[in-house]
């Protein structure tokens, strides 16, 4: 009996030692991981709302505009040359200066013509006196009508010769056909000039013509009197012009209509520059418009997210005209709606959102 008790105690002690050894080898709970799990759980329960920017939809004036590229061209421009041939004896202009219509710019030698004119003029008094005497004699029937008509013809011929020489002398003078800026001269005094010799270029820059082409889609919208605005590269100013003429038909190759507008050019802008034109097609009053980044295309439709009581709620919309920054909404929104304009790709129906900035 005593042996059994003894061996039982030994067995119990041995089992206890074995159990302790097994327990000591088991992994203990990681307190840091447990704490991290607890933090993650708390964060999930208290997840922060997405910060967004939004706008309040308000009625506004929206203009349907057509962007076009055009060119500024001179109102008038001509290569100056003489109407006759001869040696250039005078140049009376400074390159790059403004000249007036009719101003004498250059002249070729006209001495032979001047001599011829003086000879004809010297005969004019005698011819007029002859006609006067013949007329007096005719009234007294002292000469025939035929003799009188002959001296009248001689006087008329002399006057015609004088006018012809004066016209030839005028052709030796190069005068400005209009007000403008004269360019660089291509000849010097002593140069033998002919009608094909270009002396200089004359350009009229006030007003300027603004030339551009519009597609056949907009051809009917462009009429004489249509106002437009344009800008130039390197300038923050906006300029205004008015259509004064349009081509009679569309270009058969490009299917575009060429149009010209006038700009008064008080600031002296040089021609030859490109212009970014804004042509107003139609103006919509009390239009509802939103920034283009607010629109989310989905399955062939457009939608926006509205801010409603801290949640993002999607709404299908139908759009109208587009400008550089805004899109007209013709259906789906009402004045006073709060439209989310940032983070739209992250939004989901019913997502918690908080407004960071509102316009």
Protein backbone atom coordinates (compact mmCIF):
# COMPACT_ATOMS: atom_id res chain seq x y z
CA UNK A 1 0.00 0.00 0.00
CA UNK A 2 2.77 2.39 0.92
CA UNK A 3 4.57 1.54 -2.33
CA UNK A 4 1.49 2.41 -4.36
CA UNK A 5 1.15 5.77 -2.66
CA UNK A 6 4.82 6.43 -3.16
CA UNK A 7 4.73 5.62 -6.85
CA UNK A 8 1.55 7.67 -7.26
CA UNK A 9 3.23 10.71 -5.80
CA UNK A 10 6.21 10.19 -8.09
CA UNK A 11 3.88 9.98 -11.09
CA UNK A 12 2.05 13.15 -10.10
CA UNK A 13 5.29 15.06 -9.58
CA UNK A 14 6.66 13.79 -12.91
CA UNK A 15 3.52 14.80 -14.76
CA UNK A 16 3.70 18.20 -13.18
CA UNK A 17 7.31 18.64 -14.24
CA UNK A 18 6.52 17.56 -17.81
CA UNK A 19 3.53 19.94 -17.96
CA UNK A 20 5.61 22.81 -16.71
CA UNK A 21 8.27 22.12 -19.33
CA UNK A 22 5.68 22.07 -22.12
CA UNK A 23 4.07 25.28 -20.85
CA UNK A 24 7.42 27.02 -20.64
CA UNK A 25 8.09 26.20 -24.29
CA UNK A 26 4.76 27.62 -25.58
CA UNK A 27 4.87 31.15 -27.24
CA UNK A 28 3.77 33.90 -24.92
CA UNK A 29 1.22 36.54 -26.07
CA UNK A 30 2.89 39.53 -27.89
CA UNK A 31 1.71 42.57 -25.99
CA UNK A 32 2.91 45.04 -28.71
CA UNK A 33 0.98 43.24 -31.45
CA UNK A 34 -2.08 43.14 -29.30
CA UNK A 35 -1.84 46.83 -28.68
CA UNK A 36 -1.39 47.54 -32.42
CA UNK A 37 -4.43 45.41 -33.21
CA UNK A 38 -6.39 47.37 -30.68
CA UNK A 39 -5.27 50.71 -32.29
CA UNK A 40 -6.19 49.50 -35.79
CA UNK A 41 -9.59 48.43 -34.58
CA UNK A 42 -10.14 51.83 -33.02
CA UNK A 43 -9.04 53.59 -36.24
CA UNK A 44 -11.44 51.52 -38.29
CA UNK A 45 -14.24 52.39 -35.98
CA UNK A 46 -13.35 56.11 -36.10
CA UNK A 47 -12.30 56.39 -39.81
CA UNK A 48 -11.75 60.03 -40.95
CA UNK A 49 -13.97 61.54 -43.66
CA UNK A 50 -12.44 62.52 -47.02
CA UNK A 51 -11.65 66.21 -47.26
CA UNK A 52 -13.10 67.79 -50.41
CA UNK A 53 -13.56 71.14 -52.14
CA UNK A 54 -16.99 72.16 -53.34
CA UNK A 55 -18.95 74.91 -55.03
CA UNK A 56 -22.49 76.13 -54.57
CA UNK A 57 -24.28 76.17 -57.92
CA UNK A 58 -25.50 79.66 -58.81
CA UNK A 59 -27.18 81.06 -61.95
CA UNK A 60 -24.70 83.00 -64.10
CA UNK A 61 -24.16 84.38 -67.59
CA UNK A 62 -22.45 81.80 -69.79
CA UNK A 63 -21.15 82.62 -73.26
CA UNK A 64 -20.76 80.07 -76.03
CA UNK A 65 -17.44 81.03 -77.60
CA UNK A 66 -15.54 79.78 -80.65
CA UNK A 67 -11.72 79.81 -80.34
CA UNK A 68 -9.98 80.64 -83.64
CA UNK A 69 -6.44 81.45 -84.74
CA UNK A 70 -6.09 84.38 -87.14
CA UNK A 71 -3.48 86.73 -88.58
CA UNK A 72 -3.07 90.48 -88.41
CA UNK A 73 -2.49 91.93 -91.87
CA UNK A 74 -2.02 95.53 -93.05
CA UNK A 75 -5.00 97.57 -94.12
CA UNK A 76 -3.00 98.44 -97.24
CA UNK A 77 0.47 97.43 -98.43
CA UNK A 78 2.28 98.09 -101.70
CA UNK A 79 5.72 97.79 -103.25
CA UNK A 80 6.57 101.28 -104.48
CA UNK A 81 8.01 101.73 -107.98
CA UNK A 82 8.14 104.38 -110.70
CA UNK A 83 5.75 104.39 -113.64
CA UNK A 84 8.57 105.34 -116.00
CA UNK A 85 12.25 104.61 -116.45
CA UNK A 86 15.13 106.92 -115.59
CA UNK A 87 18.00 107.68 -113.28
CA UNK A 88 16.99 108.39 -109.68
CA UNK A 89 18.01 111.93 -108.74
CA UNK A 90 16.15 112.36 -105.41
CA UNK A 91 15.21 110.18 -102.42
CA UNK A 92 13.15 112.17 -99.94
CA UNK A 93 12.27 109.72 -97.17
CA UNK A 94 13.86 108.12 -94.13
CA UNK A 95 13.52 104.37 -93.75
CA UNK A 96 10.97 103.23 -91.19
CA UNK A 97 9.24 106.61 -90.89
CA UNK A 98 5.62 107.63 -91.31
CA UNK A 99 4.70 109.34 -94.58
CA UNK A 100 1.53 111.11 -95.71
CA UNK A 101 -0.57 110.48 -98.77
CA UNK A 102 0.79 112.47 -101.73
CA UNK A 103 4.20 113.06 -100.13
CA UNK A 104 7.07 113.09 -102.69
CA UNK A 105 9.27 110.11 -101.90
CA UNK A 106 11.67 109.92 -104.85
CA UNK A 107 12.22 111.30 -108.35
CA UNK A 108 13.93 110.28 -111.58
CA UNK A 109 15.55 112.67 -114.05
CA UNK A 110 12.93 114.76 -115.90
CA UNK A 111 15.09 117.46 -117.54
CA UNK A 112 14.31 116.46 -121.14
CA UNK A 113 10.61 116.49 -120.33
CA UNK A 114 10.85 119.87 -118.59
CA UNK A 115 12.55 121.32 -121.67
CA UNK A 116 9.86 119.92 -123.91
CA UNK A 117 7.17 121.37 -121.65
CA UNK A 118 8.73 124.83 -121.71
CA UNK A 119 8.86 124.78 -125.52
CA UNK A 120 5.19 123.84 -125.75
CA UNK A 121 4.11 126.40 -123.17
CA UNK A 122 5.97 129.11 -125.05
CA UNK A 123 3.84 128.37 -128.11
CA UNK A 124 0.61 128.47 -126.15
CA UNK A 125 0.27 132.30 -126.05
CA UNK A 126 0.78 132.62 -129.77
CA UNK A 127 -1.77 129.88 -130.51
CA UNK A 128 -4.37 131.48 -128.23
CA UNK A 129 -3.84 134.89 -129.90
CA UNK A 130 -4.26 133.30 -133.34
CA UNK A 131 -7.58 131.79 -132.33
CA UNK A 132 -8.73 135.16 -130.90
CA UNK A 133 -7.88 137.00 -134.15
CA UNK A 134 -9.47 134.35 -136.34
CA UNK A 135 -12.63 134.51 -134.26
CA UNK A 136 -12.83 138.29 -134.69
CA UNK A 137 -12.30 138.01 -138.45
CA UNK A 138 -14.89 135.26 -138.71
CA UNK A 139 -17.49 137.51 -137.10
CA UNK A 140 -16.82 140.09 -139.88
CA UNK A 141 -16.85 137.36 -142.52
CA UNK A 142 -13.18 138.12 -143.24
CA UNK A 143 -12.10 134.46 -142.93
CA UNK A 144 -13.77 131.18 -143.63
CA UNK A 145 -15.16 128.88 -141.00
CA UNK A 146 -12.65 126.28 -142.11
CA UNK A 147 -9.70 128.58 -141.40
CA UNK A 148 -11.09 129.34 -137.93
CA UNK A 149 -11.59 125.65 -137.13
CA UNK A 150 -8.03 124.90 -138.17
CA UNK A 151 -6.46 127.35 -135.69
CA UNK A 152 -8.80 126.04 -132.96
CA UNK A 153 -7.60 122.52 -133.68
CA UNK A 154 -3.98 123.63 -133.50
CA UNK A 155 -4.62 125.17 -130.06
CA UNK A 156 -6.38 122.04 -128.81
CA UNK A 157 -3.50 119.89 -130.06
CA UNK A 158 -0.99 122.11 -128.30
CA UNK A 159 -2.93 121.88 -125.02
CA UNK A 160 -3.11 118.10 -125.40
CA UNK A 161 0.66 117.93 -125.94
CA UNK A 162 1.24 120.03 -122.82
CA UNK A 163 -1.01 117.74 -120.75
CA UNK A 164 0.80 114.69 -122.11
CA UNK A 165 4.22 116.03 -121.14
CA UNK A 166 2.95 117.09 -117.71
CA UNK A 167 1.64 113.54 -117.20
CA UNK A 168 5.03 112.13 -118.17
CA UNK A 169 6.71 114.48 -115.70
CA UNK A 170 4.30 113.31 -112.98
CA UNK A 171 5.40 109.74 -113.69
CA UNK A 172 8.97 110.71 -112.80
CA UNK A 173 7.77 111.45 -109.27
CA UNK A 174 7.13 108.69 -106.74
CA UNK A 175 4.49 109.78 -104.24
CA UNK A 176 2.89 107.96 -101.31
CA UNK A 177 -0.50 106.55 -102.38
CA UNK A 178 -1.73 106.54 -98.76
CA UNK A 179 -0.63 107.31 -95.20
CA UNK A 180 1.66 104.63 -93.84
CA UNK A 181 5.07 103.49 -92.69
CA UNK A 182 7.72 103.22 -95.34
CA UNK A 183 10.13 100.32 -95.07
CA UNK A 184 13.74 99.80 -96.08
CA UNK A 185 14.74 101.35 -99.39
CA UNK A 186 16.13 99.11 -102.09
CA UNK A 187 17.76 101.75 -104.31
CA UNK A 188 20.13 104.69 -104.09
CA UNK A 189 20.47 108.03 -105.83
CA UNK A 190 21.98 107.32 -109.26
CA UNK A 191 20.26 103.97 -109.68
CA UNK A 192 18.60 103.49 -113.06
CA UNK A 193 15.04 102.57 -112.21
CA UNK A 194 12.37 100.96 -114.34
CA UNK A 195 8.72 100.19 -113.55
CA UNK A 196 9.85 96.79 -112.22
CA UNK A 197 12.36 98.30 -109.78
CA UNK A 198 11.08 98.24 -106.18
CA UNK A 199 12.08 101.37 -104.30
CA UNK A 200 10.57 100.45 -100.91
CA UNK A 201 7.49 98.96 -99.30
CA UNK A 202 4.71 101.14 -97.88
CA UNK A 203 2.44 99.70 -95.21
CA UNK A 204 -0.72 101.12 -93.69
CA UNK A 205 -1.16 99.72 -90.15
CA UNK A 206 -4.03 101.83 -88.90
CA UNK A 207 -6.47 100.19 -88.95
CA UNK A 208 -5.29 96.57 -89.08
CA UNK A 209 -7.19 93.74 -90.70
CA UNK A 210 -7.73 90.55 -88.73
CA UNK A 211 -8.11 87.63 -91.12
CA UNK A 212 -9.30 84.18 -90.06
CA UNK A 213 -11.26 81.19 -91.31
CA UNK A 214 -14.20 79.40 -89.69
CA UNK A 215 -15.55 75.95 -90.47
CA UNK A 216 -18.76 75.63 -92.43
CA UNK A 217 -20.47 74.70 -89.15
CA UNK A 218 -20.08 78.29 -87.93
CA UNK A 219 -20.25 80.09 -91.29
CA UNK A 220 -23.84 81.24 -90.74
CA UNK A 221 -22.97 82.67 -87.33
CA UNK A 222 -20.44 85.14 -88.79
CA UNK A 223 -22.07 88.27 -90.16
CA UNK A 224 -20.88 91.77 -91.02
CA UNK A 225 -20.93 93.72 -87.77
CA UNK A 226 -20.15 90.72 -85.55
CA UNK A 227 -17.94 91.76 -82.63
CA UNK A 228 -15.01 89.66 -81.48
CA UNK A 229 -12.04 89.86 -79.14
CA UNK A 230 -8.48 88.61 -79.53
CA UNK A 231 -5.21 88.34 -77.65
CA UNK A 232 -1.59 88.29 -78.76
CA UNK A 233 1.26 86.13 -77.56
CA UNK A 234 3.33 87.89 -74.94
CA UNK A 235 0.57 90.35 -74.05
CA UNK A 236 -2.06 90.26 -71.31
CA UNK A 237 -4.24 92.82 -73.10
CA UNK A 238 -7.49 91.94 -74.85
CA UNK A 239 -8.27 93.71 -78.13
CA UNK A 240 -11.61 94.17 -79.86
CA UNK A 241 -12.44 94.08 -83.57
CA UNK A 242 -15.52 93.99 -85.78
CA UNK A 243 -16.21 91.89 -88.86
CA UNK A 244 -16.51 94.05 -91.98
CA UNK A 245 -16.35 91.50 -94.81
CA UNK A 246 -16.53 87.78 -95.56
CA UNK A 247 -15.69 85.68 -98.57
CA UNK A 248 -18.54 85.00 -100.99
CA UNK A 249 -18.21 81.20 -100.74
CA UNK A 250 -16.55 78.40 -98.78
CA UNK A 251 -13.09 77.22 -99.75
CA UNK A 252 -13.62 74.06 -101.79
CA UNK A 253 -10.56 72.34 -100.30
CA UNK A 254 -10.79 73.26 -96.61
CA UNK A 255 -14.56 73.86 -96.41
CA UNK A 256 -13.89 77.02 -94.42
CA UNK A 257 -15.09 80.59 -94.82
CA UNK A 258 -12.50 83.38 -94.82
CA UNK A 259 -13.53 86.41 -92.77
CA UNK A 260 -11.94 89.80 -92.12
CA UNK A 261 -12.42 92.15 -89.19
CA UNK A 262 -11.06 95.64 -88.53
CA UNK A 263 -9.07 96.68 -85.48
CA UNK A 264 -8.43 100.46 -85.11
CA UNK A 265 -4.88 99.82 -83.84
CA UNK A 266 -4.34 102.91 -81.70
CA UNK A 267 -1.33 101.26 -80.05
CA UNK A 268 0.50 100.64 -83.33
CA UNK A 269 0.64 96.83 -83.29
CA UNK A 270 2.79 95.51 -86.13
CA UNK A 271 1.06 93.35 -88.76
CA UNK A 272 2.12 89.77 -89.37
CA UNK A 273 1.36 88.50 -85.84
CA UNK A 274 -0.88 85.57 -84.98
CA UNK A 275 -3.98 86.34 -82.94
CA UNK A 276 -6.01 84.08 -80.64
CA UNK A 277 -9.58 85.05 -81.43
CA UNK A 278 -12.63 84.53 -79.25
CA UNK A 279 -15.85 84.70 -81.20
CA UNK A 280 -19.03 84.92 -79.13
CA UNK A 281 -21.67 82.67 -80.66
CA UNK A 282 -24.48 82.89 -78.09
CA UNK A 283 -24.99 84.16 -74.55
CA UNK A 284 -27.02 82.22 -71.97
CA UNK A 285 -28.43 84.10 -69.01
CA UNK A 286 -29.14 82.35 -65.67
CA UNK A 287 -27.17 79.30 -66.77
CA UNK A 288 -26.04 76.66 -64.28
CA UNK A 289 -22.40 75.77 -64.81
CA UNK A 290 -19.77 73.75 -62.97
CA UNK A 291 -16.03 73.17 -63.40
CA UNK A 292 -15.21 70.37 -65.83
CA UNK A 293 -13.22 68.47 -63.16
CA UNK A 294 -16.42 67.92 -61.18
CA UNK A 295 -17.88 65.69 -63.90
CA UNK A 296 -17.34 61.94 -63.71
CA UNK A 297 -17.99 60.07 -67.00
CA UNK A 298 -19.54 56.66 -66.40
CA UNK A 299 -21.08 54.17 -68.83
CA UNK A 300 -21.70 56.82 -71.48
CA UNK A 301 -23.30 59.19 -68.99
CA UNK A 302 -22.07 62.12 -66.92
CA UNK A 303 -22.54 62.41 -63.19
CA UNK A 304 -21.46 64.61 -60.32
CA UNK A 305 -21.31 64.08 -56.58
CA UNK A 306 -23.33 66.36 -54.33
CA UNK A 307 -22.48 67.10 -50.71
CA UNK A 308 -25.50 66.20 -48.60
CA UNK A 309 -25.31 66.06 -44.79
CA UNK A 310 -21.70 64.93 -44.75
CA UNK A 311 -22.18 62.28 -47.45
CA UNK A 312 -21.28 62.11 -51.15
CA UNK A 313 -24.35 61.44 -53.27
CA UNK A 314 -24.11 60.86 -57.06
CA UNK A 315 -26.47 62.61 -59.49
CA UNK A 316 -26.76 62.05 -63.26
CA UNK A 317 -26.58 65.24 -65.33
CA UNK A 318 -27.00 66.37 -68.93
CA UNK A 319 -24.47 68.92 -70.13
CA UNK A 320 -24.68 71.77 -72.64
CA UNK A 321 -22.03 74.13 -73.93
CA UNK A 322 -18.44 74.12 -72.71
CA UNK A 323 -16.07 77.00 -72.13
CA UNK A 324 -12.40 76.90 -71.15
CA UNK A 325 -13.22 76.27 -67.49
CA UNK A 326 -16.96 75.64 -67.14
CA UNK A 327 -19.56 73.20 -68.42
CA UNK A 328 -23.23 74.10 -68.64
CA UNK A 329 -25.61 71.72 -66.88
CA UNK A 330 -29.04 71.70 -68.51
CA UNK A 331 -30.56 68.92 -66.39
CA UNK A 332 -29.81 67.28 -63.04
CA UNK A 333 -28.81 70.23 -60.88
CA UNK A 334 -30.62 73.10 -59.21
CA UNK A 335 -29.44 76.44 -57.93
CA UNK A 336 -28.10 76.02 -54.40
CA UNK A 337 -26.80 72.47 -54.86
CA UNK A 338 -23.34 71.85 -53.38
CA UNK A 339 -21.19 70.10 -55.99
CA UNK A 340 -17.95 68.36 -55.04
CA UNK A 341 -15.10 69.43 -57.34
CA UNK A 342 -12.08 67.59 -55.91
CA UNK A 343 -11.22 63.94 -55.31
CA UNK A 344 -14.09 62.84 -57.55
CA UNK A 345 -12.33 59.63 -58.60
CA UNK A 346 -12.13 58.52 -54.96
CA UNK A 347 -15.77 59.19 -54.17
CA UNK A 348 -18.31 56.44 -53.66
CA UNK A 349 -22.02 56.59 -52.95
CA UNK A 350 -22.63 57.48 -49.31
CA UNK A 351 -18.96 58.08 -48.52
CA UNK A 352 -18.27 60.32 -45.55
CA UNK A 353 -16.86 63.67 -46.70
CA UNK A 354 -15.97 66.95 -45.05
CA UNK A 355 -15.67 70.28 -46.83
CA UNK A 356 -12.21 71.78 -46.73
CA UNK A 357 -12.99 74.72 -49.03
CA UNK A 358 -16.19 75.96 -50.64
CA UNK A 359 -16.79 78.61 -53.27
